[in-house]
C-alpha atoms as a PDB file:
ATOM      1  CA  UNK A   1      81.744 103.690  78.750  1.00  0.00           C
ATOM      2  CA  UNK A   2      85.292 103.687  77.393  1.00  0.00           C
ATOM      3  CA  UNK A   3      88.230 102.684  79.560  1.00  0.00           C
ATOM      4  CA  UNK A   4      90.020 105.784  80.866  1.00  0.00           C
ATOM      5  CA  UNK A   5      93.517 106.396  79.570  1.00  0.00           C
ATOM      6  CA  UNK A   6      96.429 105.660  81.880  1.00  0.00           C
ATOM      7  CA  UNK A   7      99.697 107.543  82.144  1.00  0.00           C
ATOM      8  CA  UNK A   8     101.245 104.761  80.062  1.00  0.00           C
ATOM      9  CA  UNK A   9      98.718 105.463  77.304  1.00  0.00           C
ATOM     10  CA  UNK A  10      99.415 109.195  77.580  1.00  0.00           C
ATOM     11  CA  UNK A  11     103.166 108.622  77.297  1.00  0.00           C
ATOM     12  CA  UNK A  12     102.693 106.424  74.226  1.00  0.00           C
ATOM     13  CA  UNK A  13     100.468 109.043  72.551  1.00  0.00           C
ATOM     14  CA  UNK A  14     103.085 111.732  73.175  1.00  0.00           C
ATOM     15  CA  UNK A  15     106.085 109.597  72.271  1.00  0.00           C
ATOM     16  CA  UNK A  16     107.786 110.039  75.645  1.00  0.00           C
ATOM     17  CA  UNK A  17     108.665 107.792  78.566  1.00  0.00           C
ATOM     18  CA  UNK A  18     106.171 107.276  81.380  1.00  0.00           C
ATOM     19  CA  UNK A  19     108.507 109.061  83.792  1.00  0.00           C
ATOM     20  CA  UNK A  20     108.759 112.055  81.444  1.00  0.00           C
ATOM     21  CA  UNK A  21     104.978 112.237  81.102  1.00  0.00           C
ATOM     22  CA  UNK A  22     104.644 112.136  84.886  1.00  0.00           C
ATOM     23  CA  UNK A  23     107.235 114.857  85.349  1.00  0.00           C
ATOM     24  CA  UNK A  24     105.570 117.051  82.738  1.00  0.00           C
ATOM     25  CA  UNK A  25     102.154 116.683  84.379  1.00  0.00           C
ATOM     26  CA  UNK A  26     103.579 117.480  87.806  1.00  0.00           C
ATOM     27  CA  UNK A  27     105.527 120.570  86.707  1.00  0.00           C
ATOM     28  CA  UNK A  28     109.014 119.155  87.231  1.00  0.00           C
ATOM     29  CA  UNK A  29     111.679 121.694  86.145  1.00  0.00           C
ATOM     30  CA  UNK A  30     113.833 119.169  84.238  1.00  0.00           C
ATOM     31  CA  UNK A  31     111.258 118.746  81.437  1.00  0.00           C
ATOM     32  CA  UNK A  32     111.717 120.957  78.386  1.00  0.00           C
ATOM     33  CA  UNK A  33     108.939 123.407  77.627  1.00  0.00           C
ATOM     34  CA  UNK A  34     108.261 121.799  74.229  1.00  0.00           C
ATOM     35  CA  UNK A  35     107.827 118.356  75.797  1.00  0.00           C
ATOM     36  CA  UNK A  36     105.678 119.777  78.588  1.00  0.00           C
ATOM     37  CA  UNK A  37     103.343 121.441  76.078  1.00  0.00           C
ATOM     38  CA  UNK A  38     103.111 118.250  74.019  1.00  0.00           C
ATOM     39  CA  UNK A  39     102.205 116.204  77.096  1.00  0.00           C
ATOM     40  CA  UNK A  40      99.771 118.779  78.506  1.00  0.00           C
ATOM     41  CA  UNK A  41      97.748 119.157  75.307  1.00  0.00           C
ATOM     42  CA  UNK A  42      96.790 115.469  75.132  1.00  0.00           C
ATOM     43  CA  UNK A  43      94.768 115.223  78.385  1.00  0.00           C
ATOM     44  CA  UNK A  44      92.476 118.042  77.278  1.00  0.00           C
ATOM     45  CA  UNK A  45      91.998 116.507  73.857  1.00  0.00           C
ATOM     46  CA  UNK A  46      91.442 112.941  75.147  1.00  0.00           C
ATOM     47  CA  UNK A  47      89.525 113.880  78.304  1.00  0.00           C
ATOM     48  CA  UNK A  48      92.008 112.282  80.684  1.00  0.00           C
ATOM     49  CA  UNK A  49      91.021 112.707  84.328  1.00  0.00           C
ATOM     50  CA  UNK A  50      93.643 112.266  87.051  1.00  0.00           C
ATOM     51  CA  UNK A  51      93.065 109.372  89.444  1.00  0.00           C
ATOM     52  CA  UNK A  52      93.580 111.017  92.832  1.00  0.00           C
ATOM     53  CA  UNK A  53      92.993 107.756  94.700  1.00  0.00           C
ATOM     54  CA  UNK A  54      95.882 106.111  92.875  1.00  0.00           C
ATOM     55  CA  UNK A  55      98.073 109.150  93.485  1.00  0.00           C
ATOM     56  CA  UNK A  56      97.376 109.117  97.219  1.00  0.00           C
ATOM     57  CA  UNK A  57      98.168 105.401  97.388  1.00  0.00           C
ATOM     58  CA  UNK A  58     101.468 105.958  95.594  1.00  0.00           C
ATOM     59  CA  UNK A  59     102.445 108.966  97.694  1.00  0.00           C
ATOM     60  CA  UNK A  60     101.113 107.460 100.956  1.00  0.00           C
ATOM     61  CA  UNK A  61      99.107 110.596 101.704  1.00  0.00           C
ATOM     62  CA  UNK A  62      95.586 111.739 100.893  1.00  0.00           C
ATOM     63  CA  UNK A  63      96.006 115.518 101.500  1.00  0.00           C
ATOM     64  CA  UNK A  64      92.489 115.637 102.903  1.00  0.00           C
END
């Protein structure tokens, strides 16, 4: 099984910073629509699946 892509890999594929990729994925209003579309099309094409465990560790909440 192939190693899943990280947000760093996603940012590199899109040619944006990691923070910009994160903001685009999370719907932040400061990301241009063109950049958002570029970032959002890659996960569908590369089958990227969000890691909710990592997100909950980062945010200190599980939302369960």
